[in-house]
Amino acid sequence: MDTSAIRQVLTQRKAMLENRASKVERDASHRDEPLSADFAEQAVERENDDVLHAIAGESLHEITMINQALTRLDAGIYGECSSCGNTIDEKRLQAVPYTTQCIQCAEQTD
């Protein structure tokens, strides 16, 4: 397993998510563009704000997962299932590089 390539993928994804979260928060706070003067339009904008906050929350959650994966890389335990201790399949790690469980354990917890 090429840990330097994994670290690069995780770091790039984290930077992209941090950028997204920053833009979403800026949009939701209406720093760059104030709310419309029209009450009906404000209602739609507020609904959009709820969606933006959900997107930001998901981004922040994924950033946390990436930080934990980077910590596991540093500790030399990246790719070990946190439930059973077996090695997580490389294809799974390629699909979800911050996963903490092998597919068998993940299926049992769903």
PDB file of N, CA and C in Angstrom:
ATOM      1  N   MET A   1       0.843  -1.171   0.000  1.00  0.00           N
ATOM      2  CA  MET A   1       0.000   0.000   0.000  1.00  0.00           C
ATOM      3  C   MET A   1       0.897   1.246   0.000  1.00  0.00           C
ATOM      4  N   ASP A   2       0.648   2.146  -0.940  1.00  0.00           N
ATOM      5  CA  ASP A   2       1.438   3.361  -1.083  1.00  0.00           C
ATOM      6  C   ASP A   2       0.866   4.447  -0.171  1.00  0.00           C
ATOM      7  N   THR A   3       1.411   4.558   1.034  1.00  0.00           N
ATOM      8  CA  THR A   3       0.860   5.500   2.010  1.00  0.00           C
ATOM      9  C   THR A   3       1.073   6.958   1.607  1.00  0.00           C
ATOM     10  N   SER A   4       2.119   7.243   0.845  1.00  0.00           N
ATOM     11  CA  SER A   4       2.321   8.632   0.420  1.00  0.00           C
ATOM     12  C   SER A   4       1.239   9.042  -0.573  1.00  0.00           C
ATOM     13  N   ALA A   5       0.827   8.140  -1.447  1.00  0.00           N
ATOM     14  CA  ALA A   5      -0.258   8.438  -2.391  1.00  0.00           C
ATOM     15  C   ALA A   5      -1.579   8.597  -1.646  1.00  0.00           C
ATOM     16  N   ILE A   6      -1.801   7.756  -0.645  1.00  0.00           N
ATOM     17  CA  ILE A   6      -3.024   7.842   0.163  1.00  0.00           C
ATOM     18  C   ILE A   6      -3.053   9.173   0.911  1.00  0.00           C
ATOM     19  N   ARG A   7      -1.925   9.545   1.500  1.00  0.00           N
ATOM     20  CA  ARG A   7      -1.834  10.819   2.226  1.00  0.00           C
ATOM     21  C   ARG A   7      -2.139  11.984   1.275  1.00  0.00           C
ATOM     22  N   GLN A   8      -1.625  11.917   0.050  1.00  0.00           N
ATOM     23  CA  GLN A   8      -1.860  12.980  -0.919  1.00  0.00           C
ATOM     24  C   GLN A   8      -3.346  13.071  -1.280  1.00  0.00           C
ATOM     25  N   VAL A   9      -3.979  11.926  -1.518  1.00  0.00           N
ATOM     26  CA  VAL A   9      -5.411  11.904  -1.842  1.00  0.00           C
ATOM     27  C   VAL A   9      -6.213  12.495  -0.688  1.00  0.00           C
ATOM     28  N   LEU A  10      -5.918  12.059   0.535  1.00  0.00           N
ATOM     29  CA  LEU A  10      -6.637  12.558   1.704  1.00  0.00           C
ATOM     30  C   LEU A  10      -6.426  14.058   1.896  1.00  0.00           C
ATOM     31  N   THR A  11      -5.210  14.510   1.731  1.00  0.00           N
ATOM     32  CA  THR A  11      -4.890  15.926   1.916  1.00  0.00           C
ATOM     33  C   THR A  11      -5.577  16.787   0.861  1.00  0.00           C
ATOM     34  N   GLN A  12      -5.588  16.319  -0.377  1.00  0.00           N
ATOM     35  CA  GLN A  12      -6.263  17.072  -1.443  1.00  0.00           C
ATOM     36  C   GLN A  12      -7.769  17.130  -1.202  1.00  0.00           C
ATOM     37  N   ARG A  13      -8.348  16.003  -0.805  1.00  0.00           N
ATOM     38  CA  ARG A  13      -9.785  15.970  -0.535  1.00  0.00           C
ATOM     39  C   ARG A  13     -10.125  16.905   0.629  1.00  0.00           C
ATOM     40  N   LYS A  14      -9.293  16.886   1.654  1.00  0.00           N
ATOM     41  CA  LYS A  14      -9.514  17.750   2.817  1.00  0.00           C
ATOM     42  C   LYS A  14      -9.476  19.220   2.410  1.00  0.00           C
ATOM     43  N   ALA A  15      -8.508  19.606   1.597  1.00  0.00           N
ATOM     44  CA  ALA A  15      -8.408  20.994   1.147  1.00  0.00           C
ATOM     45  C   ALA A  15      -9.637  21.397   0.342  1.00  0.00           C
ATOM     46  N   MET A  16     -10.114  20.501  -0.519  1.00  0.00           N
ATOM     47  CA  MET A  16     -11.293  20.783  -1.321  1.00  0.00           C
ATOM     48  C   MET A  16     -12.520  20.956  -0.425  1.00  0.00           C
ATOM     49  N   LEU A  17     -12.660  20.093   0.574  1.00  0.00           N
ATOM     50  CA  LEU A  17     -13.794  20.181   1.496  1.00  0.00           C
ATOM     51  C   LEU A  17     -13.730  21.440   2.358  1.00  0.00           C
ATOM     52  N   GLU A  18     -12.541  21.816   2.797  1.00  0.00           N
ATOM     53  CA  GLU A  18     -12.395  23.037   3.584  1.00  0.00           C
ATOM     54  C   GLU A  18     -12.792  24.256   2.749  1.00  0.00           C
ATOM     55  N   ASN A  19     -12.398  24.247   1.492  1.00  0.00           N
ATOM     56  CA  ASN A  19     -12.764  25.333   0.582  1.00  0.00           C
ATOM     57  C   ASN A  19     -14.279  25.371   0.388  1.00  0.00           C
ATOM     58  N   ARG A  20     -14.880  24.202   0.177  1.00  0.00           N
ATOM     59  CA  ARG A  20     -16.335  24.122  -0.005  1.00  0.00           C
ATOM     60  C   ARG A  20     -17.059  24.623   1.237  1.00  0.00           C
ATOM     61  N   ALA A  21     -16.628  24.163   2.403  1.00  0.00           N
ATOM     62  CA  ALA A  21     -17.282  24.570   3.649  1.00  0.00           C
ATOM     63  C   ALA A  21     -17.177  26.078   3.854  1.00  0.00           C
ATOM     64  N   SER A  22     -16.043  26.643   3.515  1.00  0.00           N
ATOM     65  CA  SER A  22     -15.851  28.086   3.644  1.00  0.00           C
ATOM     66  C   SER A  22     -16.795  28.849   2.712  1.00  0.00           C
ATOM     67  N   LYS A  23     -16.891  28.403   1.474  1.00  0.00           N
ATOM     68  CA  LYS A  23     -17.788  29.056   0.508  1.00  0.00           C
ATOM     69  C   LYS A  23     -19.247  28.929   0.941  1.00  0.00           C
ATOM     70  N   VAL A  24     -19.610  27.750   1.416  1.00  0.00           N
ATOM     71  CA  VAL A  24     -20.990  27.527   1.840  1.00  0.00           C
ATOM     72  C   VAL A  24     -21.333  28.426   3.017  1.00  0.00           C
ATOM     73  N   GLU A  25     -20.449  28.508   3.989  1.00  0.00           N
ATOM     74  CA  GLU A  25     -20.696  29.364   5.143  1.00  0.00           C
ATOM     75  C   GLU A  25     -20.799  30.833   4.734  1.00  0.00           C
ATOM     76  N   ARG A  26     -19.951  31.242   3.793  1.00  0.00           N
ATOM     77  CA  ARG A  26     -20.004  32.614   3.304  1.00  0.00           C
ATOM     78  C   ARG A  26     -21.348  32.872   2.613  1.00  0.00           C
ATOM     79  N   ASP A  27     -21.793  31.921   1.785  1.00  0.00           N
ATOM     80  CA  ASP A  27     -23.079  32.071   1.103  1.00  0.00           C
ATOM     81  C   ASP A  27     -24.240  32.079   2.097  1.00  0.00           C
ATOM     82  N   ALA A  28     -24.195  31.186   3.078  1.00  0.00           N
ATOM     83  CA  ALA A  28     -25.290  31.077   4.045  1.00  0.00           C
ATOM     84  C   ALA A  28     -25.365  32.297   4.960  1.00  0.00           C
ATOM     85  N   SER A  29     -24.234  32.926   5.191  1.00  0.00           N
ATOM     86  CA  SER A  29     -24.238  34.108   6.063  1.00  0.00           C
ATOM     87  C   SER A  29     -24.575  35.386   5.296  1.00  0.00           C
ATOM     88  N   HIS A  30     -24.656  35.261   3.983  1.00  0.00           N
ATOM     89  CA  HIS A  30     -24.996  36.395   3.111  1.00  0.00           C
ATOM     90  C   HIS A  30     -24.004  37.547   3.254  1.00  0.00           C
ATOM     91  N   ARG A  31     -22.734  37.206   3.464  1.00  0.00           N
ATOM     92  CA  ARG A  31     -21.697  38.227   3.561  1.00  0.00           C
ATOM     93  C   ARG A  31     -21.491  38.952   2.234  1.00  0.00           C
ATOM     94  N   ASP A  32     -21.522  38.170   1.140  1.00  0.00           N
ATOM     95  CA  ASP A  32     -21.246  38.755  -0.173  1.00  0.00           C
ATOM     96  C   ASP A  32     -22.495  39.303  -0.849  1.00  0.00           C
ATOM     97  N   GLU A  33     -23.652  38.799  -0.446  1.00  0.00           N
ATOM     98  CA  GLU A  33     -24.905  39.207  -1.068  1.00  0.00           C
ATOM     99  C   GLU A  33     -26.003  39.195  -0.006  1.00  0.00           C
ATOM    100  N   PRO A  34     -26.550  40.362   0.331  1.00  0.00           N
ATOM    101  CA  PRO A  34     -27.570  40.412   1.389  1.00  0.00           C
ATOM    102  C   PRO A  34     -28.873  39.741   0.956  1.00  0.00           C
ATOM    103  N   LEU A  35     -29.713  39.451   1.935  1.00  0.00           N
ATOM    104  CA  LEU A  35     -31.029  38.883   1.638  1.00  0.00           C
ATOM    105  C   LEU A  35     -31.847  39.848   0.799  1.00  0.00           C
ATOM    106  N   SER A  36     -32.728  39.288   0.013  1.00  0.00           N
ATOM    107  CA  SER A  36     -33.624  40.070  -0.828  1.00  0.00           C
ATOM    108  C   SER A  36     -34.575  40.898   0.045  1.00  0.00           C
ATOM    109  N   ALA A  37     -35.032  42.003  -0.507  1.00  0.00           N
ATOM    110  CA  ALA A  37     -35.994  42.839   0.212  1.00  0.00           C
ATOM    111  C   ALA A  37     -37.386  42.228   0.179  1.00  0.00           C
ATOM    112  N   ASP A  38     -37.641  41.374  -0.798  1.00  0.00           N
ATOM    113  CA  ASP A  38     -38.948  40.724  -0.958  1.00  0.00           C
ATOM    114  C   ASP A  38     -39.083  39.586   0.049  1.00  0.00           C
ATOM    115  N   PHE A  39     -40.173  39.613   0.838  1.00  0.00           N
ATOM    116  CA  PHE A  39     -40.369  38.613   1.895  1.00  0.00           C
ATOM    117  C   PHE A  39     -40.458  37.196   1.335  1.00  0.00           C
ATOM    118  N   ALA A  40     -41.177  36.996   0.239  1.00  0.00           N
ATOM    119  CA  ALA A  40     -41.315  35.664  -0.363  1.00  0.00           C
ATOM    120  C   ALA A  40     -39.958  35.147  -0.837  1.00  0.00           C
ATOM    121  N   GLU A  41     -39.183  36.032  -1.410  1.00  0.00           N
ATOM    122  CA  GLU A  41     -37.846  35.640  -1.869  1.00  0.00           C
ATOM    123  C   GLU A  41     -36.943  35.329  -0.681  1.00  0.00           C
ATOM    124  N   GLN A  42     -37.105  36.072   0.416  1.00  0.00           N
ATOM    125  CA  GLN A  42     -36.333  35.787   1.627  1.00  0.00           C
ATOM    126  C   GLN A  42     -36.640  34.393   2.154  1.00  0.00           C
ATOM    127  N   ALA A  43     -37.907  33.979   2.086  1.00  0.00           N
ATOM    128  CA  ALA A  43     -38.288  32.645   2.552  1.00  0.00           C
ATOM    129  C   ALA A  43     -37.565  31.570   1.754  1.00  0.00           C
ATOM    130  N   VAL A  44     -37.485  31.748   0.444  1.00  0.00           N
ATOM    131  CA  VAL A  44     -36.774  30.796  -0.411  1.00  0.00           C
ATOM    132  C   VAL A  44     -35.282  30.810  -0.078  1.00  0.00           C
ATOM    133  N   GLU A  45     -34.731  31.992   0.108  1.00  0.00           N
ATOM    134  CA  GLU A  45     -33.314  32.100   0.449  1.00  0.00           C
ATOM    135  C   GLU A  45     -33.024  31.414   1.779  1.00  0.00           C
ATOM    136  N   ARG A  46     -33.908  31.539   2.743  1.00  0.00           N
ATOM    137  CA  ARG A  46     -33.720  30.889   4.050  1.00  0.00           C
ATOM    138  C   ARG A  46     -33.785  29.370   3.922  1.00  0.00           C
ATOM    139  N   GLU A  47     -34.665  28.877   3.062  1.00  0.00           N
ATOM    140  CA  GLU A  47     -34.712  27.434   2.809  1.00  0.00           C
ATOM    141  C   GLU A  47     -33.394  26.970   2.199  1.00  0.00           C
ATOM    142  N   ASN A  48     -32.871  27.767   1.289  1.00  0.00           N
ATOM    143  CA  ASN A  48     -31.577  27.444   0.691  1.00  0.00           C
ATOM    144  C   ASN A  48     -30.473  27.447   1.743  1.00  0.00           C
ATOM    145  N   ASP A  49     -30.587  28.352   2.709  1.00  0.00           N
ATOM    146  CA  ASP A  49     -29.604  28.400   3.787  1.00  0.00           C
ATOM    147  C   ASP A  49     -29.580  27.082   4.565  1.00  0.00           C
ATOM    148  N   ASP A  50     -30.745  26.494   4.783  1.00  0.00           N
ATOM    149  CA  ASP A  50     -30.815  25.211   5.487  1.00  0.00           C
ATOM    150  C   ASP A  50     -30.052  24.136   4.710  1.00  0.00           C
ATOM    151  N   VAL A  51     -30.217  24.135   3.407  1.00  0.00           N
ATOM    152  CA  VAL A  51     -29.506  23.176   2.557  1.00  0.00           C
ATOM    153  C   VAL A  51     -28.003  23.445   2.622  1.00  0.00           C
ATOM    154  N   LEU A  52     -27.627  24.705   2.565  1.00  0.00           N
ATOM    155  CA  LEU A  52     -26.209  25.063   2.637  1.00  0.00           C
ATOM    156  C   LEU A  52     -25.593  24.629   3.962  1.00  0.00           C
ATOM    157  N   HIS A  53     -26.315  24.807   5.051  1.00  0.00           N
ATOM    158  CA  HIS A  53     -25.803  24.380   6.359  1.00  0.00           C
ATOM    159  C   HIS A  53     -25.645  22.861   6.412  1.00  0.00           C
ATOM    160  N   ALA A  54     -26.546  22.133   5.789  1.00  0.00           N
ATOM    161  CA  ALA A  54     -26.431  20.676   5.742  1.00  0.00           C
ATOM    162  C   ALA A  54     -25.192  20.269   4.942  1.00  0.00           C
ATOM    163  N   ILE A  55     -24.956  20.942   3.833  1.00  0.00           N
ATOM    164  CA  ILE A  55     -23.768  20.659   3.014  1.00  0.00           C
ATOM    165  C   ILE A  55     -22.501  20.955   3.812  1.00  0.00           C
ATOM    166  N   ALA A  56     -22.491  22.071   4.507  1.00  0.00           N
ATOM    167  CA  ALA A  56     -21.323  22.420   5.327  1.00  0.00           C
ATOM    168  C   ALA A  56     -21.105  21.387   6.423  1.00  0.00           C
ATOM    169  N   GLY A  57     -22.186  20.939   7.041  1.00  0.00           N
ATOM    170  CA  GLY A  57     -22.068  19.923   8.094  1.00  0.00           C
ATOM    171  C   GLY A  57     -21.486  18.619   7.570  1.00  0.00           C
ATOM    172  N   GLU A  58     -21.934  18.203   6.405  1.00  0.00           N
ATOM    173  CA  GLU A  58     -21.396  16.981   5.796  1.00  0.00           C
ATOM    174  C   GLU A  58     -19.924  17.158   5.452  1.00  0.00           C
ATOM    175  N   SER A  59     -19.561  18.322   4.947  1.00  0.00           N
ATOM    176  CA  SER A  59     -18.158  18.594   4.622  1.00  0.00           C
ATOM    177  C   SER A  59     -17.298  18.534   5.873  1.00  0.00           C
ATOM    178  N   LEU A  60     -17.765  19.152   6.946  1.00  0.00           N
ATOM    179  CA  LEU A  60     -17.002  19.153   8.199  1.00  0.00           C
ATOM    180  C   LEU A  60     -16.881  17.749   8.782  1.00  0.00           C
ATOM    181  N   HIS A  61     -17.942  16.951   8.637  1.00  0.00           N
ATOM    182  CA  HIS A  61     -17.888  15.566   9.113  1.00  0.00           C
ATOM    183  C   HIS A  61     -16.832  14.778   8.325  1.00  0.00           C
ATOM    184  N   GLU A  62     -16.822  14.959   7.014  1.00  0.00           N
ATOM    185  CA  GLU A  62     -15.832  14.243   6.200  1.00  0.00           C
ATOM    186  C   GLU A  62     -14.417  14.713   6.514  1.00  0.00           C
ATOM    187  N   ILE A  63     -14.245  16.004   6.794  1.00  0.00           N
ATOM    188  CA  ILE A  63     -12.929  16.516   7.184  1.00  0.00           C
ATOM    189  C   ILE A  63     -12.464  15.837   8.471  1.00  0.00           C
ATOM    190  N   THR A  64     -13.361  15.662   9.418  1.00  0.00           N
ATOM    191  CA  THR A  64     -13.026  14.963  10.660  1.00  0.00           C
ATOM    192  C   THR A  64     -12.578  13.535  10.375  1.00  0.00           C
ATOM    193  N   MET A  65     -13.308  12.863   9.496  1.00  0.00           N
ATOM    194  CA  MET A  65     -12.958  11.484   9.135  1.00  0.00           C
ATOM    195  C   MET A  65     -11.585  11.433   8.456  1.00  0.00           C
ATOM    196  N   ILE A  66     -11.306  12.408   7.610  1.00  0.00           N
ATOM    197  CA  ILE A  66     -10.004  12.471   6.934  1.00  0.00           C
ATOM    198  C   ILE A  66      -8.895  12.725   7.947  1.00  0.00           C
ATOM    199  N   ASN A  67      -9.130  13.644   8.890  1.00  0.00           N
ATOM    200  CA  ASN A  67      -8.122  13.892   9.924  1.00  0.00           C
ATOM    201  C   ASN A  67      -7.818  12.636  10.725  1.00  0.00           C
ATOM    202  N   GLN A  68      -8.852  11.866  11.023  1.00  0.00           N
ATOM    203  CA  GLN A  68      -8.650  10.611  11.750  1.00  0.00           C
ATOM    204  C   GLN A  68      -7.858   9.612  10.905  1.00  0.00           C
ATOM    205  N   ALA A  69      -8.128   9.572   9.600  1.00  0.00           N
ATOM    206  CA  ALA A  69      -7.377   8.682   8.711  1.00  0.00           C
ATOM    207  C   ALA A  69      -5.911   9.100   8.650  1.00  0.00           C
ATOM    208  N   LEU A  70      -5.657  10.391   8.603  1.00  0.00           N
ATOM    209  CA  LEU A  70      -4.272  10.874   8.600  1.00  0.00           C
ATOM    210  C   LEU A  70      -3.561  10.514   9.908  1.00  0.00           C
ATOM    211  N   THR A  71      -4.279  10.565  11.009  1.00  0.00           N
ATOM    212  CA  THR A  71      -3.717  10.155  12.295  1.00  0.00           C
ATOM    213  C   THR A  71      -3.381   8.666  12.282  1.00  0.00           C
ATOM    214  N   ARG A  72      -4.283   7.858  11.705  1.00  0.00           N
ATOM    215  CA  ARG A  72      -4.011   6.422  11.603  1.00  0.00           C
ATOM    216  C   ARG A  72      -2.799   6.153  10.718  1.00  0.00           C
ATOM    217  N   LEU A  73      -2.657   6.940   9.643  1.00  0.00           N
ATOM    218  CA  LEU A  73      -1.469   6.814   8.784  1.00  0.00           C
ATOM    219  C   LEU A  73      -0.203   7.081   9.597  1.00  0.00           C
ATOM    220  N   ASP A  74      -0.220   8.170  10.363  1.00  0.00           N
ATOM    221  CA  ASP A  74       0.942   8.530  11.189  1.00  0.00           C
ATOM    222  C   ASP A  74       1.260   7.449  12.217  1.00  0.00           C
ATOM    223  N   ALA A  75       0.211   6.813  12.738  1.00  0.00           N
ATOM    224  CA  ALA A  75       0.398   5.778  13.765  1.00  0.00           C
ATOM    225  C   ALA A  75       0.755   4.418  13.172  1.00  0.00           C
ATOM    226  N   GLY A  76       0.663   4.306  11.850  1.00  0.00           N
ATOM    227  CA  GLY A  76       0.988   3.037  11.195  1.00  0.00           C
ATOM    228  C   GLY A  76      -0.124   2.012  11.267  1.00  0.00           C
ATOM    229  N   ILE A  77      -1.337   2.445  11.564  1.00  0.00           N
ATOM    230  CA  ILE A  77      -2.453   1.500  11.650  1.00  0.00           C
ATOM    231  C   ILE A  77      -3.516   1.753  10.583  1.00  0.00           C
ATOM    232  N   TYR A  78      -3.193   2.591   9.602  1.00  0.00           N
ATOM    233  CA  TYR A  78      -4.128   2.856   8.514  1.00  0.00           C
ATOM    234  C   TYR A  78      -4.396   1.555   7.769  1.00  0.00           C
ATOM    235  N   GLY A  79      -5.648   1.295   7.481  1.00  0.00           N
ATOM    236  CA  GLY A  79      -6.026   0.089   6.743  1.00  0.00           C
ATOM    237  C   GLY A  79      -6.373  -1.085   7.620  1.00  0.00           C
ATOM    238  N   GLU A  80      -6.301  -0.899   8.934  1.00  0.00           N
ATOM    239  CA  GLU A  80      -6.722  -1.946   9.860  1.00  0.00           C
ATOM    240  C   GLU A  80      -8.159  -1.673  10.284  1.00  0.00           C
ATOM    241  N   CYS A  81      -8.994  -2.694  10.269  1.00  0.00           N
ATOM    242  CA  CYS A  81     -10.380  -2.560  10.679  1.00  0.00           C
ATOM    243  C   CYS A  81     -10.438  -2.264  12.177  1.00  0.00           C
ATOM    244  N   SER A  82     -11.179  -1.232  12.533  1.00  0.00           N
ATOM    245  CA  SER A  82     -11.285  -0.855  13.945  1.00  0.00           C
ATOM    246  C   SER A  82     -12.142  -1.828  14.743  1.00  0.00           C
ATOM    247  N   SER A  83     -12.919  -2.662  14.047  1.00  0.00           N
ATOM    248  CA  SER A  83     -13.782  -3.613  14.745  1.00  0.00           C
ATOM    249  C   SER A  83     -13.128  -4.967  14.938  1.00  0.00           C
ATOM    250  N   CYS A  84     -12.595  -5.533  13.847  1.00  0.00           N
ATOM    251  CA  CYS A  84     -12.063  -6.900  13.936  1.00  0.00           C
ATOM    252  C   CYS A  84     -10.544  -6.969  13.851  1.00  0.00           C
ATOM    253  N   GLY A  85      -9.899  -5.880  13.447  1.00  0.00           N
ATOM    254  CA  GLY A  85      -8.442  -5.856  13.358  1.00  0.00           C
ATOM    255  C   GLY A  85      -7.881  -6.395  12.059  1.00  0.00           C
ATOM    256  N   ASN A  86      -8.730  -6.932  11.199  1.00  0.00           N
ATOM    257  CA  ASN A  86      -8.264  -7.430   9.908  1.00  0.00           C
ATOM    258  C   ASN A  86      -7.906  -6.270   8.988  1.00  0.00           C
ATOM    259  N   THR A  87      -7.199  -6.601   7.921  1.00  0.00           N
ATOM    260  CA  THR A  87      -6.815  -5.601   6.938  1.00  0.00           C
ATOM    261  C   THR A  87      -8.017  -5.245   6.063  1.00  0.00           C
ATOM    262  N   ILE A  88      -8.237  -3.950   5.868  1.00  0.00           N
ATOM    263  CA  ILE A  88      -9.313  -3.481   5.001  1.00  0.00           C
ATOM    264  C   ILE A  88      -8.840  -3.617   3.553  1.00  0.00           C
ATOM    265  N   ASP A  89      -9.689  -4.172   2.712  1.00  0.00           N
ATOM    266  CA  ASP A  89      -9.360  -4.385   1.301  1.00  0.00           C
ATOM    267  C   ASP A  89      -8.963  -3.061   0.640  1.00  0.00           C
ATOM    268  N   GLU A  90      -7.920  -3.099  -0.193  1.00  0.00           N
ATOM    269  CA  GLU A  90      -7.436  -1.879  -0.847  1.00  0.00           C
ATOM    270  C   GLU A  90      -8.487  -1.232  -1.734  1.00  0.00           C
ATOM    271  N   LYS A  91      -9.346  -2.029  -2.369  1.00  0.00           N
ATOM    272  CA  LYS A  91     -10.397  -1.458  -3.213  1.00  0.00           C
ATOM    273  C   LYS A  91     -11.364  -0.640  -2.363  1.00  0.00           C
ATOM    274  N   ARG A  92     -11.653  -1.114  -1.171  1.00  0.00           N
ATOM    275  CA  ARG A  92     -12.524  -0.356  -0.264  1.00  0.00           C
ATOM    276  C   ARG A  92     -11.846   0.950   0.157  1.00  0.00           C
ATOM    277  N   LEU A  93     -10.565   0.879   0.460  1.00  0.00           N
ATOM    278  CA  LEU A  93      -9.827   2.076   0.853  1.00  0.00           C
ATOM    279  C   LEU A  93      -9.721   3.072  -0.299  1.00  0.00           C
ATOM    280  N   GLN A  94      -9.648   2.570  -1.518  1.00  0.00           N
ATOM    281  CA  GLN A  94      -9.624   3.476  -2.668  1.00  0.00           C
ATOM    282  C   GLN A  94     -10.971   4.177  -2.818  1.00  0.00           C
ATOM    283  N   ALA A  95     -12.045   3.445  -2.569  1.00  0.00           N
ATOM    284  CA  ALA A  95     -13.387   4.022  -2.700  1.00  0.00           C
ATOM    285  C   ALA A  95     -13.688   4.985  -1.544  1.00  0.00           C
ATOM    286  N   VAL A  96     -13.325   4.589  -0.333  1.00  0.00           N
ATOM    287  CA  VAL A  96     -13.582   5.399   0.865  1.00  0.00           C
ATOM    288  C   VAL A  96     -12.288   5.413   1.689  1.00  0.00           C
ATOM    289  N   PRO A  97     -11.358   6.303   1.334  1.00  0.00           N
ATOM    290  CA  PRO A  97     -10.031   6.247   1.954  1.00  0.00           C
ATOM    291  C   PRO A  97      -9.990   6.542   3.439  1.00  0.00           C
ATOM    292  N   TYR A  98     -11.075   7.035   4.013  1.00  0.00           N
ATOM    293  CA  TYR A  98     -11.090   7.329   5.451  1.00  0.00           C
ATOM    294  C   TYR A  98     -11.915   6.312   6.232  1.00  0.00           C
ATOM    295  N   THR A  99     -12.282   5.215   5.580  1.00  0.00           N
ATOM    296  CA  THR A  99     -13.076   4.200   6.271  1.00  0.00           C
ATOM    297  C   THR A  99     -12.290   3.593   7.426  1.00  0.00           C
ATOM    298  N   THR A 100     -13.019   3.165   8.435  1.00  0.00           N
ATOM    299  CA  THR A 100     -12.376   2.556   9.600  1.00  0.00           C
ATOM    300  C   THR A 100     -12.699   1.072   9.727  1.00  0.00           C
ATOM    301  N   GLN A 101     -13.587   0.586   8.850  1.00  0.00           N
ATOM    302  CA  GLN A 101     -14.013  -0.805   8.963  1.00  0.00           C
ATOM    303  C   GLN A 101     -13.888  -1.547   7.636  1.00  0.00           C
ATOM    304  N   CYS A 102     -13.618  -2.844   7.751  1.00  0.00           N
ATOM    305  CA  CYS A 102     -13.662  -3.697   6.569  1.00  0.00           C
ATOM    306  C   CYS A 102     -15.125  -3.826   6.135  1.00  0.00           C
ATOM    307  N   ILE A 103     -15.338  -4.325   4.950  1.00  0.00           N
ATOM    308  CA  ILE A 103     -16.705  -4.387   4.420  1.00  0.00           C
ATOM    309  C   ILE A 103     -17.596  -5.302   5.267  1.00  0.00           C
ATOM    310  N   GLN A 104     -17.050  -6.389   5.786  1.00  0.00           N
ATOM    311  CA  GLN A 104     -17.846  -7.309   6.593  1.00  0.00           C
ATOM    312  C   GLN A 104     -18.351  -6.632   7.865  1.00  0.00           C
ATOM    313  N   CYS A 105     -17.472  -5.938   8.546  1.00  0.00           N
ATOM    314  CA  CYS A 105     -17.874  -5.256   9.790  1.00  0.00           C
ATOM    315  C   CYS A 105     -18.806  -4.093   9.490  1.00  0.00           C
ATOM    316  N   ALA A 106     -18.574  -3.379   8.404  1.00  0.00           N
ATOM    317  CA  ALA A 106     -19.447  -2.258   8.037  1.00  0.00           C
ATOM    318  C   ALA A 106     -20.851  -2.747   7.722  1.00  0.00           C
ATOM    319  N   GLU A 107     -20.958  -3.885   7.068  1.00  0.00           N
ATOM    320  CA  GLU A 107     -22.276  -4.436   6.754  1.00  0.00           C
ATOM    321  C   GLU A 107     -23.012  -4.873   8.012  1.00  0.00           C
ATOM    322  N   GLN A 108     -22.291  -5.320   9.010  1.00  0.00           N
ATOM    323  CA  GLN A 108     -22.919  -5.752  10.267  1.00  0.00           C
ATOM    324  C   GLN A 108     -23.445  -4.567  11.068  1.00  0.00           C
ATOM    325  N   THR A 109     -22.811  -3.398  10.935  1.00  0.00           N
ATOM    326  CA  THR A 109     -23.241  -2.237  11.711  1.00  0.00           C
ATOM    327  C   THR A 109     -24.358  -1.447  11.032  1.00  0.00           C
ATOM    328  N   ASP A 110     -24.618  -1.731   9.757  1.00  0.00           N
ATOM    329  CA  ASP A 110     -25.694  -1.012   9.036  1.00  0.00           C
ATOM    330  C   ASP A 110     -27.058  -1.522   9.372  1.00  0.00           C
TER     331      ASP A 110
END
